[in-house]
Amino acid sequence: MARVSVEYKDHIAYVTLTRGDKMNALDREMVQAIIDAGQGVAGSDARVVVLSGEGKSFCAGLDLMSFAQMGQIDPDEWLMARSHEDANEMQEVAMVWRRVQVPVIAALQGAAYGGGLQLALGADIRVAAPDARLSVMEMKWGIVPDMGGMVLLPRLLRSDLLRRLTYTAEVFDAKQALDWGLVTELAEDPLARAEELAAKIANQSPSAIRAAKRLIERAEAEGREAVLLAESSEQVELIGKAEQMEVISAQMQGRVPVFD
């Protein structure tokens, strides 16, 4: 059975985890399907991505059978290989969405635990249902976050909160996650709100949106001199080009811009 579906409509890629009967838990097939979906979207003309999970939960983390399989494989061989640029296979589940050149909006309901939370952190924006539950859950199983979490969590959480949540594996609700900065906003229907945001982004200049994502990634990781230079470099490629002129014309004429 397929683990992930990808549909394209109005320049939006809808990526849906389709293992709802298992709370979209991550097994090896799901891991590969998520990576394949991200790579497929990266090669498409989509302008924005909506990432969601069918059923009651977004993603409850690693499938219990995956823990059993851990004892049967060489962890060094499995995890130390850089099979996806700077990441291993498990890390790419989250990091592939940072590599996708366009914004990714995750819609969270039910559980977003462990690897499921790290997958959500790979998105640019996270919209959560008020009753969604989240957890940095790896410590419950005697392991540490290792699916990109330690790249992504420190960008959002204070150090003491990051340590507390990692050490305790406690479950917290979406309102608390909002207060801490782990989710962007709450919505009674997070998928509908994600689609609303996606439609707004899809109507922006595609080249400017891609430039903005590249620039933000650099701004979060590099020093002042490099970021100032990157600002200038990205802007040079936008000013006066066809898409920017169409944005200006549309603004002046009070209409929606049209891009090729």
Protein backbone atom coordinates (compact mmCIF):
# COMPACT_ATOMS: atom_id res chain seq x y z
CA MET A 1 0.00 0.00 0.00
CA ALA A 2 1.24 3.48 -0.87
CA ARG A 3 2.48 5.41 2.15
CA VAL A 4 2.31 8.93 0.66
CA SER A 5 0.16 10.57 -1.99
CA VAL A 6 1.14 13.65 -4.00
CA GLU A 7 -1.38 15.73 -5.92
CA TYR A 8 -0.91 19.03 -7.77
CA LYS A 9 -3.58 21.68 -8.10
CA ASP A 10 -3.34 25.40 -8.81
CA HIS A 11 0.46 25.34 -8.38
CA ILE A 12 0.11 23.72 -4.92
CA ALA A 13 1.60 20.30 -4.16
CA TYR A 14 -0.55 18.36 -1.67
CA VAL A 15 1.63 15.77 0.06
CA THR A 16 -0.36 13.46 2.33
CA LEU A 17 0.83 10.65 4.59
CA THR A 18 -1.61 7.83 3.89
CA ARG A 19 -1.07 5.37 6.71
CA GLY A 20 -3.87 6.79 8.83
CA ASP A 21 -4.78 3.43 10.36
CA LYS A 22 -1.31 3.39 11.96
CA MET A 23 -1.33 7.10 12.93
CA ASN A 24 1.03 7.59 9.95
CA ALA A 25 3.85 5.98 11.94
CA LEU A 26 7.20 5.85 10.18
CA ASP A 27 8.35 2.47 8.87
CA ARG A 28 11.07 1.99 6.25
CA GLU A 29 8.57 2.21 3.41
CA MET A 30 7.11 5.44 4.79
CA VAL A 31 10.58 6.95 5.22
CA GLN A 32 11.45 6.26 1.59
CA ALA A 33 8.05 7.42 0.35
CA ILE A 34 8.39 10.78 2.16
CA ILE A 35 11.85 11.33 0.70
CA ASP A 36 10.64 10.36 -2.78
CA ALA A 37 7.72 12.77 -2.44
CA GLY A 38 10.01 15.62 -1.45
CA GLN A 39 12.36 14.93 -4.35
CA GLY A 40 9.42 14.75 -6.74
CA VAL A 41 8.02 18.06 -5.55
CA ALA A 42 11.47 19.64 -5.83
CA GLY A 43 11.52 18.72 -9.50
CA SER A 44 8.02 20.05 -10.18
CA ASP A 45 6.70 23.53 -10.92
CA ALA A 46 4.81 23.68 -7.60
CA ARG A 47 5.02 27.05 -5.87
CA VAL A 48 4.13 25.82 -2.38
CA VAL A 49 3.56 22.52 -0.55
CA VAL A 50 0.86 21.46 1.90
CA LEU A 51 2.11 18.55 4.04
CA SER A 52 -0.49 16.63 6.05
CA GLY A 53 -1.41 13.23 7.43
CA GLU A 54 -4.70 11.44 6.88
CA GLY A 55 -6.78 10.19 9.79
CA LYS A 56 -6.58 11.18 13.43
CA SER A 57 -2.88 12.06 13.62
CA PHE A 58 -0.24 13.84 11.58
CA CYS A 59 2.51 11.34 12.44
CA ALA A 60 3.05 9.43 15.69
CA GLY A 61 6.78 8.86 15.09
CA LEU A 62 8.62 5.63 14.44
CA ASP A 63 6.57 2.48 13.99
CA LEU A 64 7.14 0.11 16.93
CA MET A 65 8.35 -2.56 14.52
CA SER A 66 11.10 -0.18 13.47
CA PHE A 67 12.49 -0.28 17.00
CA ALA A 68 12.59 -4.06 16.81
CA GLN A 69 14.48 -3.87 13.51
CA MET A 70 17.11 -1.59 15.06
CA GLY A 71 18.56 -4.55 16.90
CA GLN A 72 19.08 -6.41 13.62
CA ILE A 73 21.11 -3.82 11.71
CA ASP A 74 24.48 -2.17 12.14
CA PRO A 75 23.69 1.37 13.39
CA ASP A 76 27.05 2.66 12.19
CA GLU A 77 26.42 1.48 8.65
CA TRP A 78 22.80 2.68 8.70
CA LEU A 79 23.20 6.12 10.27
CA MET A 80 26.73 7.32 9.58
CA ALA A 81 26.42 7.13 5.79
CA ARG A 82 25.74 10.57 4.23
CA SER A 83 23.37 9.23 1.60
CA HIS A 84 21.56 12.54 0.97
CA GLU A 85 24.12 15.35 0.71
CA ASP A 86 24.86 16.18 4.38
CA ALA A 87 22.20 13.83 5.82
CA ASN A 88 21.46 10.16 6.27
CA GLU A 89 18.21 8.53 5.16
CA MET A 90 16.37 9.16 8.43
CA GLN A 91 17.47 12.79 8.64
CA GLU A 92 16.34 13.39 5.07
CA VAL A 93 12.72 12.74 6.11
CA ALA A 94 12.74 16.25 7.59
CA MET A 95 15.61 17.88 5.72
CA VAL A 96 14.24 17.11 2.25
CA TRP A 97 11.55 19.72 2.91
CA ARG A 98 14.26 22.30 3.65
CA ARG A 99 15.89 21.36 0.35
CA VAL A 100 12.60 21.86 -1.54
CA GLN A 101 12.96 25.33 -3.05
CA VAL A 102 9.44 26.50 -2.18
CA PRO A 103 7.62 27.03 1.14
CA VAL A 104 6.20 23.98 2.90
CA ILE A 105 3.19 24.28 5.23
CA ALA A 106 2.49 21.41 7.63
CA ALA A 107 -1.03 20.84 8.97
CA LEU A 108 -0.92 19.07 12.34
CA GLN A 109 -3.70 17.19 14.09
CA GLY A 110 -3.63 14.49 16.74
CA ALA A 111 -0.11 13.30 17.51
CA ALA A 112 3.17 14.73 16.20
CA TYR A 113 5.64 12.69 18.22
CA GLY A 114 9.36 12.03 17.83
CA GLY A 115 10.11 11.58 14.14
CA GLY A 116 6.68 13.00 13.34
CA LEU A 117 7.54 16.23 15.13
CA GLN A 118 10.91 16.38 13.36
CA LEU A 119 9.14 15.87 10.02
CA ALA A 120 6.87 18.83 10.86
CA LEU A 121 9.91 20.92 11.81
CA GLY A 122 11.17 20.47 8.26
CA ALA A 123 8.28 22.63 7.09
CA ASP A 124 8.53 26.41 6.88
CA ILE A 125 5.17 26.92 8.64
CA ARG A 126 3.23 24.69 11.04
CA VAL A 127 -0.52 25.08 11.58
CA ALA A 128 -1.85 22.93 14.44
CA ALA A 129 -5.27 22.00 15.73
CA PRO A 130 -5.78 23.28 19.29
CA ASP A 131 -5.96 19.71 20.62
CA ALA A 132 -2.89 18.45 18.73
CA ARG A 133 -0.21 16.85 20.92
CA LEU A 134 3.52 17.09 20.38
CA SER A 135 6.59 15.52 21.92
CA VAL A 136 10.34 15.24 21.50
CA MET A 137 9.74 11.61 22.38
CA GLU A 138 13.01 9.82 21.59
CA MET A 139 14.19 9.64 25.21
CA LYS A 140 11.18 7.43 25.98
CA TRP A 141 12.85 4.78 23.84
CA GLY A 142 16.38 5.38 25.08
CA ILE A 143 17.59 7.31 22.04
CA VAL A 144 18.08 10.96 21.03
CA PRO A 145 16.45 13.08 18.31
CA ASP A 146 18.41 12.25 15.16
CA MET A 147 16.14 13.11 12.22
CA GLY A 148 17.28 16.70 11.84
CA GLY A 149 15.79 17.74 15.15
CA MET A 150 19.02 19.10 16.53
CA VAL A 151 19.42 21.32 13.50
CA LEU A 152 15.84 22.57 13.57
CA LEU A 153 14.80 22.67 17.25
CA PRO A 154 17.51 25.12 18.41
CA ARG A 155 16.24 27.65 15.85
CA LEU A 156 12.86 27.68 17.59
CA LEU A 157 13.34 26.86 21.28
CA ARG A 158 15.31 28.43 24.11
CA SER A 159 18.14 26.18 25.24
CA ASP A 160 16.55 25.34 28.59
CA LEU A 161 13.26 24.34 26.96
CA LEU A 162 15.05 22.27 24.35
CA ARG A 163 16.90 20.44 27.10
CA ARG A 164 13.80 19.92 29.22
CA LEU A 165 11.72 18.54 26.35
CA THR A 166 14.55 16.32 25.13
CA TYR A 167 15.42 14.97 28.58
CA THR A 168 11.82 14.29 29.70
CA ALA A 169 10.05 13.23 26.46
CA GLU A 170 6.96 14.91 27.88
CA VAL A 171 3.85 15.39 25.75
CA PHE A 172 2.55 18.94 25.42
CA ASP A 173 -0.42 20.50 23.67
CA ALA A 174 -0.49 22.79 20.66
CA LYS A 175 -1.24 25.90 22.70
CA GLN A 176 1.93 25.36 24.69
CA ALA A 177 3.80 24.66 21.45
CA LEU A 178 2.51 27.97 20.09
CA ASP A 179 3.71 29.83 23.18
CA TRP A 180 7.13 28.22 22.83
CA GLY A 181 7.37 28.92 19.10
CA LEU A 182 7.23 25.34 17.83
CA VAL A 183 4.05 25.94 15.84
CA THR A 184 3.15 29.03 13.84
CA GLU A 185 -0.54 29.26 14.61
CA LEU A 186 -3.59 27.30 15.75
CA ALA A 187 -6.67 26.56 13.65
CA GLU A 188 -9.75 24.44 14.26
CA ASP A 189 -9.23 23.04 10.76
CA PRO A 190 -5.45 23.12 10.25
CA LEU A 191 -5.59 21.62 6.75
CA ALA A 192 -8.06 24.25 5.53
CA ARG A 193 -5.91 27.01 7.02
CA ALA A 194 -2.78 25.51 5.44
CA GLU A 195 -4.56 25.48 2.09
CA GLU A 196 -5.59 29.12 2.57
CA LEU A 197 -2.00 30.15 3.26
CA ALA A 198 -0.76 28.06 0.35
CA ALA A 199 -3.16 29.76 -2.05
CA LYS A 200 -1.89 33.15 -0.94
CA ILE A 201 1.74 32.11 -1.43
CA ALA A 202 0.99 30.53 -4.81
CA ASN A 203 -0.14 33.96 -6.06
CA GLN A 204 3.18 35.60 -5.19
CA SER A 205 6.12 35.87 -7.59
CA PRO A 206 7.55 32.34 -7.83
CA SER A 207 11.10 33.59 -8.27
CA ALA A 208 10.81 35.96 -5.29
CA ILE A 209 9.36 33.23 -3.08
CA ARG A 210 12.20 30.85 -3.94
CA ALA A 211 14.73 33.62 -3.36
CA ALA A 212 13.15 34.39 0.02
CA LYS A 213 13.40 30.75 1.13
CA ARG A 214 17.04 30.56 0.07
CA LEU A 215 17.80 33.82 1.83
CA ILE A 216 16.07 32.84 5.08
CA GLU A 217 17.96 29.54 5.16
CA ARG A 218 21.24 31.41 4.82
CA ALA A 219 20.22 34.07 7.34
CA GLU A 220 19.59 31.38 9.95
CA ALA A 221 22.95 29.71 9.42
CA GLU A 222 25.53 32.24 8.29
CA GLY A 223 27.20 35.38 9.57
CA ARG A 224 26.40 39.04 8.93
CA GLU A 225 28.77 39.60 6.01
CA ALA A 226 27.58 36.55 4.08
CA VAL A 227 23.90 37.36 4.67
CA LEU A 228 24.27 41.00 3.59
CA LEU A 229 25.94 39.85 0.40
CA ALA A 230 23.25 37.21 -0.16
CA GLU A 231 20.51 39.85 0.22
CA SER A 232 22.10 41.92 -2.51
CA SER A 233 22.74 38.95 -4.78
CA GLU A 234 19.16 37.65 -4.56
CA GLN A 235 17.72 41.13 -5.13
CA VAL A 236 19.83 41.70 -8.24
CA GLU A 237 18.22 38.62 -9.78
CA LEU A 238 14.69 39.92 -9.07
CA ILE A 239 14.64 43.66 -9.74
CA GLY A 240 13.38 44.60 -13.18
CA LYS A 241 12.81 41.01 -14.28
CA ALA A 242 9.56 39.88 -15.88
CA GLU A 243 7.96 38.50 -12.71
CA GLN A 244 8.68 41.61 -10.69
CA MET A 245 7.29 43.84 -13.46
CA GLU A 246 4.15 41.68 -13.53
CA VAL A 247 3.76 42.10 -9.76
CA ILE A 248 4.02 45.88 -10.11
CA SER A 249 1.55 45.95 -13.02
CA ALA A 250 -0.94 43.80 -11.11
CA GLN A 251 -0.68 46.04 -8.05
CA MET A 252 -1.26 49.16 -10.14
CA GLN A 253 -4.24 47.59 -11.94
CA GLY A 254 -5.80 45.99 -8.86
CA ARG A 255 -5.70 42.44 -10.22
CA VAL A 256 -4.11 39.10 -9.44
CA PRO A 257 -0.69 38.71 -11.07
CA VAL A 258 -0.28 36.07 -13.76
CA PHE A 259 3.00 34.20 -14.04
CA ASP A 260 4.14 31.79 -16.74
